[in-house]
Amino acid sequence: ADEHIRAVVSQALGRSRFALVEQSLPGMSA
């Protein structure tokens, strides 16, 4: 995604104070 969009989303998730865990969905493109 556009880096500016990713930054907005990342900042909001950070401010949410929920525990954040990196995940991946490699099948999304298919």
Full PDB file with SEQRES, HELIX, SHEET, SSBOND, CRYST1, ORIGX, SCALE, CONECT and MASTER records, all heavy atoms in Angstrom:
SEQRES   1 A   30  ALA ASP GLU HIS ILE ARG ALA VAL VAL SER GLN ALA LEU          
SEQRES   2 A   30  GLY ARG SER ARG PHE ALA LEU VAL GLU GLN SER LEU PRO          
SEQRES   3 A   30  GLY MET SER ALA                                              
HELIX    1 AA1 GLU A    3  ARG A   15  1                                  13    
CRYST1    1.000    1.000    1.000  90.00  90.00  90.00 P 1           1          
ORIGX1      1.000000  0.000000  0.000000        0.00000                         
ORIGX2      0.000000  1.000000  0.000000        0.00000                         
ORIGX3      0.000000  0.000000  1.000000        0.00000                         
SCALE1      1.000000  0.000000  0.000000        0.00000                         
SCALE2      0.000000  1.000000  0.000000        0.00000                         
SCALE3      0.000000  0.000000  1.000000        0.00000                         
ATOM      1  N   ALA A   1       0.854  -1.184   0.000  1.00  0.00           N  
ATOM      2  CA  ALA A   1       0.000   0.000   0.000  1.00  0.00           C  
ATOM      3  C   ALA A   1       0.891   1.236   0.000  1.00  0.00           C  
ATOM      4  O   ALA A   1       2.082   1.172   0.349  1.00  0.00           O  
ATOM      5  CB  ALA A   1      -0.920   0.015   1.223  1.00  0.00           C  
ATOM      6  N   ASP A   2       0.316   2.356  -0.386  1.00  0.00           N  
ATOM      7  CA  ASP A   2       1.031   3.633  -0.370  1.00  0.00           C  
ATOM      8  C   ASP A   2       1.637   3.870   1.014  1.00  0.00           C  
ATOM      9  O   ASP A   2       0.988   3.622   2.040  1.00  0.00           O  
ATOM     10  CB  ASP A   2       0.038   4.751  -0.721  1.00  0.00           C  
ATOM     11  CG  ASP A   2       0.688   6.116  -0.743  1.00  0.00           C  
ATOM     12  OD1 ASP A   2       0.863   6.698   0.353  1.00  0.00           O  
ATOM     13  OD2 ASP A   2       1.001   6.623  -1.831  1.00  0.00           O  
ATOM     14  N   GLU A   3       2.870   4.345   1.047  1.00  0.00           N  
ATOM     15  CA  GLU A   3       3.563   4.499   2.331  1.00  0.00           C  
ATOM     16  C   GLU A   3       2.855   5.469   3.263  1.00  0.00           C  
ATOM     17  O   GLU A   3       2.867   5.287   4.496  1.00  0.00           O  
ATOM     18  CB  GLU A   3       5.005   4.966   2.109  1.00  0.00           C  
ATOM     19  CG  GLU A   3       5.139   6.312   1.414  1.00  0.00           C  
ATOM     20  CD  GLU A   3       6.598   6.736   1.275  1.00  0.00           C  
ATOM     21  OE1 GLU A   3       7.401   6.406   2.166  1.00  0.00           O  
ATOM     22  OE2 GLU A   3       6.921   7.408   0.260  1.00  0.00           O  
ATOM     23  N   HIS A   4       2.187   6.485   2.718  1.00  0.00           N  
ATOM     24  CA  HIS A   4       1.474   7.439   3.548  1.00  0.00           C  
ATOM     25  C   HIS A   4       0.239   6.796   4.180  1.00  0.00           C  
ATOM     26  O   HIS A   4      -0.108   7.080   5.334  1.00  0.00           O  
ATOM     27  CB  HIS A   4       1.080   8.667   2.726  1.00  0.00           C  
ATOM     28  CG  HIS A   4       2.253   9.402   2.159  1.00  0.00           C  
ATOM     29  ND1 HIS A   4       2.692   9.203   0.875  1.00  0.00           N  
ATOM     30  CD2 HIS A   4       3.099  10.322   2.720  1.00  0.00           C  
ATOM     31  CE1 HIS A   4       3.745   9.976   0.640  1.00  0.00           C  
ATOM     32  NE2 HIS A   4       4.014  10.652   1.749  1.00  0.00           N  
ATOM     33  N   ILE A   5      -0.416   5.921   3.429  1.00  0.00           N  
ATOM     34  CA  ILE A   5      -1.572   5.193   3.968  1.00  0.00           C  
ATOM     35  C   ILE A   5      -1.118   4.235   5.057  1.00  0.00           C  
ATOM     36  O   ILE A   5      -1.727   4.157   6.137  1.00  0.00           O  
ATOM     37  CB  ILE A   5      -2.314   4.454   2.840  1.00  0.00           C  
ATOM     38  CG1 ILE A   5      -3.056   5.470   1.959  1.00  0.00           C  
ATOM     39  CG2 ILE A   5      -3.283   3.411   3.396  1.00  0.00           C  
ATOM     40  CD1 ILE A   5      -3.725   4.886   0.754  1.00  0.00           C  
ATOM     41  N   ARG A   6      -0.036   3.511   4.811  1.00  0.00           N  
ATOM     42  CA  ARG A   6       0.467   2.588   5.821  1.00  0.00           C  
ATOM     43  C   ARG A   6       0.856   3.334   7.097  1.00  0.00           C  
ATOM     44  O   ARG A   6       0.642   2.841   8.212  1.00  0.00           O  
ATOM     45  CB  ARG A   6       1.649   1.793   5.265  1.00  0.00           C  
ATOM     46  CG  ARG A   6       1.217   0.705   4.294  1.00  0.00           C  
ATOM     47  CD  ARG A   6       2.349  -0.230   3.910  1.00  0.00           C  
ATOM     48  NE  ARG A   6       3.228   0.360   2.908  1.00  0.00           N  
ATOM     49  CZ  ARG A   6       4.477   0.722   3.122  1.00  0.00           C  
ATOM     50  NH1 ARG A   6       5.022   0.550   4.316  1.00  0.00           N  
ATOM     51  NH2 ARG A   6       5.208   1.240   2.155  1.00  0.00           N  
ATOM     52  N   ALA A   7       1.396   4.530   6.937  1.00  0.00           N  
ATOM     53  CA  ALA A   7       1.797   5.323   8.103  1.00  0.00           C  
ATOM     54  C   ALA A   7       0.580   5.739   8.933  1.00  0.00           C  
ATOM     55  O   ALA A   7       0.621   5.689  10.175  1.00  0.00           O  
ATOM     56  CB  ALA A   7       2.578   6.552   7.655  1.00  0.00           C  
ATOM     57  N   VAL A   8      -0.491   6.166   8.276  1.00  0.00           N  
ATOM     58  CA  VAL A   8      -1.709   6.582   8.985  1.00  0.00           C  
ATOM     59  C   VAL A   8      -2.293   5.396   9.756  1.00  0.00           C  
ATOM     60  O   VAL A   8      -2.665   5.515  10.928  1.00  0.00           O  
ATOM     61  CB  VAL A   8      -2.752   7.153   8.002  1.00  0.00           C  
ATOM     62  CG1 VAL A   8      -4.088   7.387   8.702  1.00  0.00           C  
ATOM     63  CG2 VAL A   8      -2.253   8.457   7.392  1.00  0.00           C  
ATOM     64  N   VAL A   9      -2.374   4.241   9.091  1.00  0.00           N  
ATOM     65  CA  VAL A   9      -2.925   3.046   9.722  1.00  0.00           C  
ATOM     66  C   VAL A   9      -2.041   2.601  10.888  1.00  0.00           C  
ATOM     67  O   VAL A   9      -2.537   2.276  11.983  1.00  0.00           O  
ATOM     68  CB  VAL A   9      -3.087   1.919   8.682  1.00  0.00           C  
ATOM     69  CG1 VAL A   9      -3.351   0.576   9.354  1.00  0.00           C  
ATOM     70  CG2 VAL A   9      -4.209   2.270   7.709  1.00  0.00           C  
ATOM     71  N   SER A  10      -0.729   2.609  10.677  1.00  0.00           N  
ATOM     72  CA  SER A  10       0.201   2.196  11.730  1.00  0.00           C  
ATOM     73  C   SER A  10       0.095   3.105  12.948  1.00  0.00           C  
ATOM     74  O   SER A  10       0.095   2.632  14.099  1.00  0.00           O  
ATOM     75  CB  SER A  10       1.629   2.193  11.183  1.00  0.00           C  
ATOM     76  OG  SER A  10       2.551   1.823  12.184  1.00  0.00           O  
ATOM     77  N   GLN A  11      -0.003   4.398  12.714  1.00  0.00           N  
ATOM     78  CA  GLN A  11      -0.111   5.340  13.823  1.00  0.00           C  
ATOM     79  C   GLN A  11      -1.401   5.118  14.612  1.00  0.00           C  
ATOM     80  O   GLN A  11      -1.402   5.124  15.849  1.00  0.00           O  
ATOM     81  CB  GLN A  11      -0.062   6.779  13.299  1.00  0.00           C  
ATOM     82  CG  GLN A  11      -0.117   7.827  14.412  1.00  0.00           C  
ATOM     83  CD  GLN A  11      -0.210   9.237  13.871  1.00  0.00           C  
ATOM     84  OE1 GLN A  11      -1.035   9.525  13.002  1.00  0.00           O  
ATOM     85  NE2 GLN A  11       0.640  10.121  14.371  1.00  0.00           N  
ATOM     86  N   ALA A  12      -2.512   4.898  13.897  1.00  0.00           N  
ATOM     87  CA  ALA A  12      -3.787   4.674  14.576  1.00  0.00           C  
ATOM     88  C   ALA A  12      -3.741   3.399  15.415  1.00  0.00           C  
ATOM     89  O   ALA A  12      -4.203   3.370  16.568  1.00  0.00           O  
ATOM     90  CB  ALA A  12      -4.918   4.595  13.555  1.00  0.00           C  
ATOM     91  N   LEU A  13      -3.169   2.345  14.870  1.00  0.00           N  
ATOM     92  CA  LEU A  13      -3.080   1.097  15.620  1.00  0.00           C  
ATOM     93  C   LEU A  13      -2.183   1.260  16.841  1.00  0.00           C  
ATOM     94  O   LEU A  13      -2.473   0.735  17.927  1.00  0.00           O  
ATOM     95  CB  LEU A  13      -2.565  -0.030  14.718  1.00  0.00           C  
ATOM     96  CG  LEU A  13      -3.533  -0.500  13.633  1.00  0.00           C  
ATOM     97  CD1 LEU A  13      -2.846  -1.468  12.681  1.00  0.00           C  
ATOM     98  CD2 LEU A  13      -4.770  -1.153  14.245  1.00  0.00           C  
ATOM     99  N   GLY A  14      -1.105   2.010  16.685  1.00  0.00           N  
ATOM    100  CA  GLY A  14      -0.230   2.261  17.813  1.00  0.00           C  
ATOM    101  C   GLY A  14      -0.920   3.031  18.922  1.00  0.00           C  
ATOM    102  O   GLY A  14      -0.759   2.726  20.113  1.00  0.00           O  
ATOM    103  N   ARG A  15      -1.704   4.027  18.546  1.00  0.00           N  
ATOM    104  CA  ARG A  15      -2.422   4.846  19.531  1.00  0.00           C  
ATOM    105  C   ARG A  15      -3.579   4.083  20.167  1.00  0.00           C  
ATOM    106  O   ARG A  15      -4.089   4.505  21.216  1.00  0.00           O  
ATOM    107  CB  ARG A  15      -2.954   6.115  18.866  1.00  0.00           C  
ATOM    108  CG  ARG A  15      -1.882   7.142  18.489  1.00  0.00           C  
ATOM    109  CD  ARG A  15      -2.485   8.298  17.727  1.00  0.00           C  
ATOM    110  NE  ARG A  15      -3.602   8.902  18.461  1.00  0.00           N  
ATOM    111  CZ  ARG A  15      -4.641   9.498  17.880  1.00  0.00           C  
ATOM    112  NH1 ARG A  15      -4.725   9.548  16.553  1.00  0.00           N  
ATOM    113  NH2 ARG A  15      -5.606  10.015  18.610  1.00  0.00           N  
ATOM    114  N   SER A  16      -4.008   2.971  19.556  1.00  0.00           N  
ATOM    115  CA  SER A  16      -5.155   2.227  20.079  1.00  0.00           C  
ATOM    116  C   SER A  16      -4.829   1.507  21.393  1.00  0.00           C  
ATOM    117  O   SER A  16      -5.740   1.113  22.123  1.00  0.00           O  
ATOM    118  CB  SER A  16      -5.626   1.196  19.061  1.00  0.00           C  
ATOM    119  OG  SER A  16      -4.750   0.072  19.020  1.00  0.00           O  
ATOM    120  N   ARG A  17      -3.559   1.322  21.656  1.00  0.00           N  
ATOM    121  CA  ARG A  17      -3.078   0.659  22.877  1.00  0.00           C  
ATOM    122  C   ARG A  17      -3.463  -0.820  22.946  1.00  0.00           C  
ATOM    123  O   ARG A  17      -3.327  -1.442  23.995  1.00  0.00           O  
ATOM    124  CB  ARG A  17      -3.533   1.383  24.147  1.00  0.00           C  
ATOM    125  CG  ARG A  17      -3.122   2.848  24.204  1.00  0.00           C  
ATOM    126  CD  ARG A  17      -3.296   3.435  25.598  1.00  0.00           C  
ATOM    127  NE  ARG A  17      -4.627   3.265  26.147  1.00  0.00           N  
ATOM    128  CZ  ARG A  17      -5.677   4.046  25.850  1.00  0.00           C  
ATOM    129  NH1 ARG A  17      -5.525   5.049  24.974  1.00  0.00           N  
ATOM    130  NH2 ARG A  17      -6.859   3.836  26.409  1.00  0.00           N  
ATOM    131  N   PHE A  18      -3.927  -1.400  21.859  1.00  0.00           N  
ATOM    132  CA  PHE A  18      -4.082  -2.849  21.809  1.00  0.00           C  
ATOM    133  C   PHE A  18      -2.712  -3.474  21.575  1.00  0.00           C  
ATOM    134  O   PHE A  18      -1.837  -2.859  20.946  1.00  0.00           O  
ATOM    135  CB  PHE A  18      -5.021  -3.267  20.668  1.00  0.00           C  
ATOM    136  CG  PHE A  18      -6.482  -3.029  20.944  1.00  0.00           C  
ATOM    137  CD1 PHE A  18      -7.178  -2.025  20.284  1.00  0.00           C  
ATOM    138  CD2 PHE A  18      -7.163  -3.806  21.869  1.00  0.00           C  
ATOM    139  CE1 PHE A  18      -8.528  -1.805  20.536  1.00  0.00           C  
ATOM    140  CE2 PHE A  18      -8.516  -3.602  22.122  1.00  0.00           C  
ATOM    141  CZ  PHE A  18      -9.195  -2.593  21.460  1.00  0.00           C  
ATOM    142  N   ALA A  19      -2.508  -4.671  22.084  1.00  0.00           N  
ATOM    143  CA  ALA A  19      -1.283  -5.398  21.781  1.00  0.00           C  
ATOM    144  C   ALA A  19      -1.258  -5.726  20.295  1.00  0.00           C  
ATOM    145  O   ALA A  19      -2.248  -6.221  19.744  1.00  0.00           O  
ATOM    146  CB  ALA A  19      -1.215  -6.676  22.615  1.00  0.00           C  
ATOM    147  N   LEU A  20      -0.157  -5.445  19.645  1.00  0.00           N  
ATOM    148  CA  LEU A  20      -0.043  -5.642  18.201  1.00  0.00           C  
ATOM    149  C   LEU A  20       0.931  -6.775  17.903  1.00  0.00           C  
ATOM    150  O   LEU A  20       2.011  -6.847  18.482  1.00  0.00           O  
ATOM    151  CB  LEU A  20       0.421  -4.352  17.513  1.00  0.00           C  
ATOM    152  CG  LEU A  20      -0.442  -3.105  17.762  1.00  0.00           C  
ATOM    153  CD1 LEU A  20       0.174  -1.895  17.070  1.00  0.00           C  
ATOM    154  CD2 LEU A  20      -1.877  -3.327  17.293  1.00  0.00           C  
ATOM    155  N   VAL A  21       0.529  -7.650  17.003  1.00  0.00           N  
ATOM    156  CA  VAL A  21       1.333  -8.809  16.623  1.00  0.00           C  
ATOM    157  C   VAL A  21       1.461  -8.817  15.112  1.00  0.00           C  
ATOM    158  O   VAL A  21       0.469  -8.648  14.394  1.00  0.00           O  
ATOM    159  CB  VAL A  21       0.670 -10.124  17.102  1.00  0.00           C  
ATOM    160  CG1 VAL A  21       1.486 -11.330  16.654  1.00  0.00           C  
ATOM    161  CG2 VAL A  21       0.474 -10.118  18.612  1.00  0.00           C  
ATOM    162  N   GLU A  22       2.657  -9.008  14.602  1.00  0.00           N  
ATOM    163  CA  GLU A  22       2.837  -9.089  13.153  1.00  0.00           C  
ATOM    164  C   GLU A  22       2.220 -10.383  12.631  1.00  0.00           C  
ATOM    165  O   GLU A  22       2.442 -11.453  13.189  1.00  0.00           O  
ATOM    166  CB  GLU A  22       4.319  -9.036  12.792  1.00  0.00           C  
ATOM    167  CG  GLU A  22       4.972  -7.677  13.042  1.00  0.00           C  
ATOM    168  CD  GLU A  22       6.407  -7.647  12.548  1.00  0.00           C  
ATOM    169  OE1 GLU A  22       6.851  -8.639  11.923  1.00  0.00           O  
ATOM    170  OE2 GLU A  22       7.082  -6.631  12.785  1.00  0.00           O  
ATOM    171  N   GLN A  23       1.434 -10.246  11.557  1.00  0.00           N  
ATOM    172  CA  GLN A  23       0.820 -11.402  10.918  1.00  0.00           C  
ATOM    173  C   GLN A  23       1.055 -11.314   9.408  1.00  0.00           C  
ATOM    174  O   GLN A  23       1.368 -10.236   8.878  1.00  0.00           O  
ATOM    175  CB  GLN A  23      -0.692 -11.421  11.190  1.00  0.00           C  
ATOM    176  CG  GLN A  23      -1.063 -11.744  12.630  1.00  0.00           C  
ATOM    177  CD  GLN A  23      -1.394 -13.225  12.808  1.00  0.00           C  
ATOM    178  OE1 GLN A  23      -0.778 -14.088  12.178  1.00  0.00           O  
ATOM    179  NE2 GLN A  23      -2.353 -13.507  13.664  1.00  0.00           N  
ATOM    180  N   SER A  24       0.882 -12.423   8.735  1.00  0.00           N  
ATOM    181  CA  SER A  24       0.999 -12.424   7.275  1.00  0.00           C  
ATOM    182  C   SER A  24      -0.091 -13.306   6.680  1.00  0.00           C  
ATOM    183  O   SER A  24      -0.511 -14.296   7.287  1.00  0.00           O  
ATOM    184  CB  SER A  24       2.380 -12.918   6.829  1.00  0.00           C  
ATOM    185  OG  SER A  24       2.559 -14.268   7.201  1.00  0.00           O  
ATOM    186  N   LEU A  25      -0.554 -12.906   5.506  1.00  0.00           N  
ATOM    187  CA  LEU A  25      -1.531 -13.691   4.743  1.00  0.00           C  
ATOM    188  C   LEU A  25      -0.984 -13.838   3.324  1.00  0.00           C  
ATOM    189  O   LEU A  25      -1.392 -13.119   2.403  1.00  0.00           O  
ATOM    190  CB  LEU A  25      -2.900 -12.993   4.733  1.00  0.00           C  
ATOM    191  CG  LEU A  25      -3.647 -12.905   6.071  1.00  0.00           C  
ATOM    192  CD1 LEU A  25      -4.915 -12.064   5.911  1.00  0.00           C  
ATOM    193  CD2 LEU A  25      -4.002 -14.299   6.595  1.00  0.00           C  
ATOM    194  N   PRO A  26      -0.050 -14.763   3.128  1.00  0.00           N  
ATOM    195  CA  PRO A  26       0.597 -14.882   1.811  1.00  0.00           C  
ATOM    196  C   PRO A  26      -0.352 -15.262   0.690  1.00  0.00           C  
ATOM    197  O   PRO A  26      -0.033 -15.065  -0.482  1.00  0.00           O  
ATOM    198  CB  PRO A  26       1.659 -15.969   2.038  1.00  0.00           C  
ATOM    199  CG  PRO A  26       1.222 -16.699   3.276  1.00  0.00           C  
ATOM    200  CD  PRO A  26       0.514 -15.694   4.113  1.00  0.00           C  
ATOM    201  N   GLY A  27      -1.542 -15.778   1.035  1.00  0.00           N  
ATOM    202  CA  GLY A  27      -2.483 -16.189  -0.009  1.00  0.00           C  
ATOM    203  C   GLY A  27      -3.386 -15.085  -0.509  1.00  0.00           C  
ATOM    204  O   GLY A  27      -4.276 -15.343  -1.341  1.00  0.00           O  
ATOM    205  N   MET A  28      -3.205 -13.843  -0.025  1.00  0.00           N  
ATOM    206  CA  MET A  28      -4.139 -12.775  -0.390  1.00  0.00           C  
ATOM    207  C   MET A  28      -4.183 -12.493  -1.882  1.00  0.00           C  
ATOM    208  O   MET A  28      -5.243 -12.253  -2.450  1.00  0.00           O  
ATOM    209  CB  MET A  28      -3.811 -11.481   0.373  1.00  0.00           C  
ATOM    210  CG  MET A  28      -4.509 -11.374   1.707  1.00  0.00           C  
ATOM    211  SD  MET A  28      -4.394  -9.731   2.448  1.00  0.00           S  
ATOM    212  CE  MET A  28      -5.478  -8.789   1.358  1.00  0.00           C  
ATOM    213  N   SER A  29      -3.024 -12.492  -2.532  1.00  0.00           N  
ATOM    214  CA  SER A  29      -2.991 -12.174  -3.962  1.00  0.00           C  
ATOM    215  C   SER A  29      -3.745 -13.223  -4.771  1.00  0.00           C  
ATOM    216  O   SER A  29      -4.547 -12.891  -5.654  1.00  0.00           O  
ATOM    217  CB  SER A  29      -1.543 -12.073  -4.440  1.00  0.00           C  
ATOM    218  OG  SER A  29      -1.489 -11.793  -5.833  1.00  0.00           O  
ATOM    219  N   ALA A  30      -3.520 -14.492  -4.461  1.00  0.00           N  
ATOM    220  CA  ALA A  30      -4.242 -15.558  -5.156  1.00  0.00           C  
ATOM    221  C   ALA A  30      -5.735 -15.481  -4.853  1.00  0.00           C  
ATOM    222  O   ALA A  30      -6.580 -15.713  -5.727  1.00  0.00           O  
ATOM    223  CB  ALA A  30      -3.699 -16.924  -4.754  1.00  0.00           C  
TER     224      ALA A  30                                                      
MASTER        0    0    0    1    0    0    0    6  223    1    0    3          
END                                                                             
